[in-house]
N, C-alpha and C. Protein backbone atom coordinates (compact mmCIF):
# COMPACT_ATOMS: atom_id res chain seq x y z
N GLN A 1 112.21 -94.29 83.97
CA GLN A 1 111.36 -93.63 84.65
C GLN A 1 109.89 -94.16 85.24
N VAL A 2 109.70 -94.46 86.33
CA VAL A 2 108.34 -94.92 86.31
C VAL A 2 107.11 -94.05 86.25
N GLN A 3 106.19 -94.81 85.47
CA GLN A 3 104.94 -93.56 85.38
C GLN A 3 103.98 -94.11 86.14
N LEU A 4 102.67 -93.83 86.87
CA LEU A 4 101.57 -94.16 87.56
C LEU A 4 100.10 -93.25 86.22
N GLN A 5 99.03 -94.28 86.24
CA GLN A 5 98.17 -94.04 85.65
C GLN A 5 96.78 -94.06 86.30
N GLU A 6 96.11 -92.83 86.65
CA GLU A 6 94.71 -93.62 87.48
C GLU A 6 93.85 -93.78 86.44
N SER A 7 92.72 -94.97 86.75
CA SER A 7 91.67 -94.59 85.70
C SER A 7 90.37 -95.22 86.41
N GLY A 8 89.38 -95.24 86.23
CA GLY A 8 87.77 -94.81 86.40
C GLY A 8 87.36 -94.02 86.35
N PRO A 9 85.70 -94.36 86.85
CA PRO A 9 84.57 -93.39 86.70
C PRO A 9 84.71 -92.29 87.49
N GLY A 10 84.47 -91.02 86.95
CA GLY A 10 84.56 -90.02 87.63
C GLY A 10 83.17 -89.39 88.36
N LEU A 11 82.36 -90.07 88.52
CA LEU A 11 81.02 -90.00 89.09
C LEU A 11 80.61 -91.45 89.66
N VAL A 12 80.20 -90.91 90.92
CA VAL A 12 79.89 -92.51 91.49
C VAL A 12 78.61 -92.06 92.43
N LYS A 13 77.56 -92.86 92.33
CA LYS A 13 76.21 -92.56 93.25
C LYS A 13 76.62 -93.08 94.61
N PRO A 14 75.70 -92.37 95.33
CA PRO A 14 76.11 -92.57 97.36
C PRO A 14 75.63 -94.59 97.11
N SER A 15 76.26 -94.90 98.01
CA SER A 15 76.18 -96.17 98.40
C SER A 15 76.60 -97.25 97.37
N GLN A 16 77.19 -96.76 96.47
CA GLN A 16 78.09 -97.89 95.79
C GLN A 16 79.40 -97.78 95.87
N THR A 17 80.22 -98.76 95.24
CA THR A 17 81.64 -98.98 95.55
C THR A 17 82.05 -98.02 94.26
N LEU A 18 83.01 -97.52 95.02
CA LEU A 18 84.19 -96.57 94.02
C LEU A 18 85.20 -97.65 93.56
N SER A 19 85.45 -97.96 92.27
CA SER A 19 86.28 -98.58 91.81
C SER A 19 87.58 -97.79 90.92
N LEU A 20 88.81 -97.74 91.11
CA LEU A 20 89.85 -97.10 90.26
C LEU A 20 91.44 -98.21 90.46
N THR A 21 91.82 -97.51 89.11
CA THR A 21 92.89 -98.56 88.68
C THR A 21 94.34 -97.67 88.67
N CYS A 22 95.04 -98.37 88.98
CA CYS A 22 96.34 -97.85 88.54
C CYS A 22 96.99 -98.52 88.00
N THR A 23 97.56 -97.67 86.69
CA THR A 23 98.06 -99.00 85.65
C THR A 23 99.60 -98.14 85.85
N VAL A 24 100.85 -98.97 86.03
CA VAL A 24 102.30 -98.64 86.14
C VAL A 24 103.11 -99.07 85.08
N SER A 25 103.73 -98.22 84.61
CA SER A 25 105.01 -98.39 83.56
C SER A 25 105.97 -98.01 84.16
N GLY A 26 106.97 -98.81 83.24
CA GLY A 26 108.98 -98.46 83.37
C GLY A 26 109.14 -99.24 84.61
N GLY A 27 108.13 -100.02 85.50
CA GLY A 27 108.51 -100.78 86.70
C GLY A 27 107.36 -102.16 86.60
N SER A 28 107.73 -102.65 87.61
CA SER A 28 107.28 -104.29 87.91
C SER A 28 106.44 -103.82 89.70
N ILE A 29 105.02 -104.02 89.60
CA ILE A 29 104.76 -103.74 91.32
C ILE A 29 105.24 -105.09 92.08
N THR A 30 105.79 -106.26 91.60
CA THR A 30 106.68 -107.03 92.02
C THR A 30 107.79 -107.39 92.73
N THR A 31 108.39 -106.19 91.93
CA THR A 31 109.98 -105.83 92.17
C THR A 31 109.94 -105.12 93.96
N SER A 32 110.84 -105.78 94.62
CA SER A 32 110.88 -105.69 96.51
C SER A 32 111.63 -104.83 96.64
N TYR A 33 110.69 -104.73 97.51
CA TYR A 33 110.71 -103.41 98.73
C TYR A 33 110.06 -102.12 98.12
N TYR A 34 109.34 -102.42 97.13
CA TYR A 34 108.43 -101.55 96.95
C TYR A 34 106.84 -101.83 97.24
N GLY A 35 106.23 -100.74 97.55
CA GLY A 35 105.06 -100.68 97.52
C GLY A 35 103.98 -100.11 96.72
N TRP A 36 102.97 -100.24 96.55
CA TRP A 36 101.53 -99.22 95.61
C TRP A 36 100.68 -98.84 96.30
N SER A 37 100.49 -97.37 96.63
CA SER A 37 99.31 -97.24 97.37
C SER A 37 98.09 -96.09 96.78
N TRP A 38 97.58 -95.89 97.52
CA TRP A 38 96.32 -94.94 97.22
C TRP A 38 96.10 -93.51 98.66
N THR A 39 96.23 -92.59 97.95
CA THR A 39 96.03 -91.68 99.15
C THR A 39 94.96 -90.59 98.13
N ARG A 40 94.15 -90.02 99.17
CA ARG A 40 93.12 -89.01 98.31
C ARG A 40 93.18 -87.86 99.13
N GLN A 41 92.56 -86.95 98.76
CA GLN A 41 92.29 -85.35 98.67
C GLN A 41 91.11 -84.83 98.85
N ALA A 42 90.12 -84.61 99.73
CA ALA A 42 88.88 -84.00 99.98
C ALA A 42 89.34 -82.58 99.51
N PRO A 43 88.16 -81.84 99.03
CA PRO A 43 88.44 -80.37 98.50
C PRO A 43 88.56 -79.65 100.46
N GLY A 44 89.48 -79.19 100.59
CA GLY A 44 89.93 -78.06 101.40
C GLY A 44 90.37 -79.03 102.68
N LYS A 45 91.18 -80.23 102.22
CA LYS A 45 91.43 -81.13 103.30
C LYS A 45 92.69 -81.44 102.81
N GLY A 46 93.54 -82.45 103.84
CA GLY A 46 94.92 -82.59 103.53
C GLY A 46 94.82 -83.83 102.96
N LEU A 47 96.01 -84.70 102.36
CA LEU A 47 96.53 -85.79 102.23
C LEU A 47 95.74 -86.68 103.03
N GLU A 48 95.03 -87.68 102.60
CA GLU A 48 94.44 -88.74 103.73
C GLU A 48 95.12 -90.21 103.10
N TRP A 49 96.27 -90.78 103.91
CA TRP A 49 96.44 -92.03 103.24
C TRP A 49 95.69 -93.39 103.42
N MET A 50 95.29 -93.79 102.25
CA MET A 50 93.95 -95.21 102.44
C MET A 50 94.92 -96.37 102.54
N GLY A 51 95.80 -96.56 101.55
CA GLY A 51 96.34 -98.17 101.70
C GLY A 51 97.63 -98.23 101.08
N VAL A 52 97.81 -99.51 101.16
CA VAL A 52 99.42 -99.93 100.15
C VAL A 52 98.71 -101.45 99.83
N ILE A 53 99.41 -102.10 98.86
CA ILE A 53 99.71 -103.15 98.70
C ILE A 53 101.12 -103.21 98.29
N ASN A 54 101.70 -104.56 99.13
CA ASN A 54 103.21 -104.24 98.57
C ASN A 54 103.42 -105.24 97.32
N TYR A 55 104.51 -105.40 97.43
CA TYR A 55 105.43 -106.20 96.34
C TYR A 55 105.05 -107.73 96.36
N ASP A 56 104.90 -107.83 98.08
CA ASP A 56 104.55 -109.76 97.68
C ASP A 56 102.71 -109.73 98.00
N GLY A 57 101.92 -108.32 97.63
CA GLY A 57 100.77 -109.23 97.43
C GLY A 57 100.14 -108.60 98.91
N ILE A 58 100.77 -108.30 99.93
CA ILE A 58 99.87 -107.78 101.11
C ILE A 58 99.58 -106.36 101.04
N ALA A 59 98.45 -106.70 101.99
CA ALA A 59 97.81 -105.12 101.82
C ALA A 59 97.93 -104.82 103.16
N TYR A 60 98.13 -103.24 103.04
CA TYR A 60 97.37 -102.94 104.79
C TYR A 60 96.53 -101.59 104.43
N ILE A 61 95.58 -101.65 105.29
CA ILE A 61 94.58 -100.37 104.92
C ILE A 61 94.59 -99.62 105.89
N SER A 62 94.51 -98.15 106.00
CA SER A 62 94.51 -97.17 106.95
C SER A 62 93.17 -97.95 107.55
N PRO A 63 92.99 -97.74 109.01
CA PRO A 63 92.23 -98.34 109.89
C PRO A 63 90.79 -97.50 110.13
N SER A 64 91.03 -96.24 109.67
CA SER A 64 89.48 -95.75 109.27
C SER A 64 88.82 -95.96 108.19
N LEU A 65 89.58 -96.73 107.29
CA LEU A 65 88.72 -97.07 105.80
C LEU A 65 88.56 -98.74 106.03
N GLU A 66 89.26 -99.23 106.89
CA GLU A 66 89.36 -100.70 106.52
C GLU A 66 87.74 -101.20 106.31
N SER A 67 86.99 -101.10 107.24
CA SER A 67 85.90 -101.80 106.81
C SER A 67 85.22 -101.71 105.69
N ARG A 68 85.89 -100.89 104.82
CA ARG A 68 84.93 -100.83 103.22
C ARG A 68 85.86 -100.59 102.43
N THR A 69 87.10 -100.79 102.69
CA THR A 69 88.38 -100.70 101.44
C THR A 69 89.27 -101.78 101.29
N SER A 70 89.39 -102.16 99.98
CA SER A 70 90.01 -103.57 99.44
C SER A 70 90.78 -102.88 98.73
N ILE A 71 92.05 -103.37 98.62
CA ILE A 71 93.50 -103.11 97.57
C ILE A 71 93.82 -104.64 96.55
N SER A 72 93.86 -104.49 95.96
CA SER A 72 94.40 -105.91 94.66
C SER A 72 94.74 -105.43 93.31
N ARG A 73 95.72 -106.65 92.81
CA ARG A 73 96.65 -106.02 92.06
C ARG A 73 96.32 -107.15 90.69
N ASP A 74 96.85 -107.08 90.04
CA ASP A 74 96.94 -108.19 88.55
C ASP A 74 98.23 -107.86 88.23
N THR A 75 99.28 -108.92 88.92
CA THR A 75 100.21 -109.04 88.35
C THR A 75 100.77 -108.98 86.82
N SER A 76 100.07 -109.64 85.73
CA SER A 76 99.96 -109.72 84.67
C SER A 76 99.91 -108.76 84.03
N LYS A 77 99.36 -107.57 84.13
CA LYS A 77 98.96 -106.76 83.64
C LYS A 77 100.09 -105.00 84.35
N ASP A 78 100.59 -105.21 85.21
CA ASP A 78 101.01 -104.41 86.26
C ASP A 78 100.33 -103.05 86.70
N GLN A 79 99.22 -103.35 87.37
CA GLN A 79 98.14 -102.88 87.88
C GLN A 79 97.67 -103.15 89.16
N PHE A 80 97.40 -102.22 89.76
CA PHE A 80 96.32 -102.43 91.33
C PHE A 80 95.52 -101.22 91.48
N SER A 81 94.58 -102.01 92.27
CA SER A 81 93.07 -101.22 92.28
C SER A 81 92.67 -101.21 93.55
N LEU A 82 91.72 -100.20 93.23
CA LEU A 82 90.93 -99.96 94.75
C LEU A 82 89.81 -99.87 94.61
N GLN A 83 89.17 -100.48 95.93
CA GLN A 83 87.57 -100.37 95.79
C GLN A 83 87.28 -100.18 97.22
N LEU A 84 86.07 -99.07 97.32
CA LEU A 84 85.97 -98.47 98.34
C LEU A 84 84.11 -98.46 98.22
N SER A 85 83.65 -99.05 99.51
CA SER A 85 82.49 -99.78 98.98
C SER A 85 81.74 -98.87 100.09
N SER A 86 79.82 -98.51 99.87
CA SER A 86 79.38 -97.43 100.58
C SER A 86 79.92 -96.68 100.66
N VAL A 87 79.73 -95.26 99.50
CA VAL A 87 80.16 -94.41 99.11
C VAL A 87 79.27 -93.61 99.76
N THR A 88 79.99 -92.25 100.38
CA THR A 88 79.20 -90.50 100.50
C THR A 88 79.65 -89.87 100.31
N PRO A 89 78.82 -88.60 99.77
CA PRO A 89 79.11 -87.47 99.36
C PRO A 89 81.09 -87.04 100.00
N GLU A 90 81.03 -87.70 101.41
CA GLU A 90 82.18 -87.03 101.93
C GLU A 90 83.39 -87.64 101.37
N ASP A 91 83.17 -88.97 100.40
CA ASP A 91 84.23 -89.68 100.00
C ASP A 91 84.81 -88.97 98.48
N THR A 92 84.16 -87.99 98.41
CA THR A 92 84.41 -87.21 96.95
C THR A 92 85.81 -86.20 97.03
N ALA A 93 86.51 -86.25 96.25
CA ALA A 93 88.08 -86.17 96.25
C ALA A 93 88.83 -86.71 94.89
N VAL A 94 90.17 -85.91 94.97
CA VAL A 94 90.85 -86.54 94.07
C VAL A 94 91.90 -87.56 94.73
N TYR A 95 91.94 -88.99 94.17
CA TYR A 95 92.38 -90.00 94.47
C TYR A 95 93.62 -89.92 93.75
N TYR A 96 94.79 -89.97 94.26
CA TYR A 96 96.26 -90.82 94.03
C TYR A 96 96.70 -91.77 93.89
N CYS A 97 97.78 -92.48 92.97
CA CYS A 97 98.23 -93.78 93.09
C CYS A 97 99.35 -93.67 93.16
N ALA A 98 100.13 -93.91 93.91
CA ALA A 98 101.70 -93.93 94.50
C ALA A 98 102.76 -94.82 94.22
N ARG A 99 103.59 -94.76 93.83
CA ARG A 99 104.94 -96.40 94.57
C ARG A 99 105.35 -95.57 96.43
N HIS A 100 105.35 -96.43 96.68
CA HIS A 100 105.99 -96.17 98.37
C HIS A 100 107.61 -96.96 98.11
N ASN A 101 108.53 -96.13 98.26
CA ASN A 101 109.97 -96.72 98.22
C ASN A 101 110.29 -97.37 99.68
N TYR A 102 110.58 -98.26 99.98
CA TYR A 102 110.57 -99.13 101.66
C TYR A 102 111.83 -98.52 101.53
N TYR A 103 113.19 -98.39 100.90
CA TYR A 103 114.14 -97.71 101.12
C TYR A 103 114.34 -96.61 101.74
N PHE A 104 113.81 -95.54 101.45
CA PHE A 104 113.65 -94.60 101.90
C PHE A 104 112.13 -94.09 102.77
N ASP A 105 111.45 -94.98 102.86
CA ASP A 105 110.07 -94.85 103.30
C ASP A 105 109.53 -93.25 102.97
N TYR A 106 108.91 -93.31 101.71
CA TYR A 106 108.11 -92.21 101.06
C TYR A 106 107.46 -92.54 99.87
N GLU A 107 106.52 -92.00 99.67
CA GLU A 107 106.25 -92.09 98.09
C GLU A 107 107.00 -91.25 96.92
N ASP A 108 107.65 -92.14 96.00
CA ASP A 108 108.74 -91.49 95.40
C ASP A 108 108.33 -91.24 94.01
N TYR A 109 107.42 -91.67 93.40
CA TYR A 109 106.40 -91.31 91.96
C TYR A 109 104.94 -91.45 92.12
N TRP A 110 104.55 -90.62 91.86
CA TRP A 110 102.80 -90.34 92.10
C TRP A 110 102.15 -89.94 90.72
N GLY A 111 100.86 -90.47 90.27
CA GLY A 111 100.09 -90.44 89.33
C GLY A 111 99.54 -89.15 89.43
N GLN A 112 98.89 -88.78 88.15
CA GLN A 112 98.38 -87.38 87.99
C GLN A 112 97.14 -86.90 89.38
N GLY A 113 96.79 -88.07 89.26
CA GLY A 113 95.37 -87.63 90.16
C GLY A 113 93.85 -87.88 89.54
N THR A 114 93.31 -88.44 90.19
CA THR A 114 91.74 -88.38 89.17
C THR A 114 90.58 -87.66 90.12
N GLN A 115 89.76 -87.07 89.83
CA GLN A 115 88.99 -86.73 90.62
C GLN A 115 87.94 -87.95 90.47
N VAL A 116 86.85 -87.61 91.59
CA VAL A 116 85.68 -88.94 91.78
C VAL A 116 84.70 -88.22 92.90
N THR A 117 83.83 -87.83 92.37
CA THR A 117 82.72 -87.14 92.77
C THR A 117 81.57 -88.35 92.89
N VAL A 118 81.12 -88.10 94.27
CA VAL A 118 79.63 -89.05 94.82
C VAL A 118 78.82 -88.03 94.74
N SER A 119 77.76 -88.20 93.87
CA SER A 119 76.81 -87.62 94.36
C SER A 119 75.50 -88.45 93.33
N SER A 120 74.21 -88.18 93.55
CA SER A 120 73.40 -88.93 92.92
C SER A 120 72.67 -88.40 91.52
């Protein structure tokens, strides 16, 4: 059973960089045909897909966030990370990591989510 757990600060100041890590257990992030994604949900809004880093290490970022978002990984720890720079209060959201299953083209395992608030 694959499990994902987000970790990182719950409070970030405006203009700073938000950094979150997702730790994967029960599977390897280098297993073929799976990607590892980040999605967020701001208060009162729907889910917003942010990006994915695939089993081969190639990352794809949502065009709307591309200028200030990066996704990286540490294969030795089965972890992948999100960095979102120049945050504003509009980046306040619950952030989720998930596994993207390319066989069926959907997120089949999710972390529980972590609340991040951007405030001074």
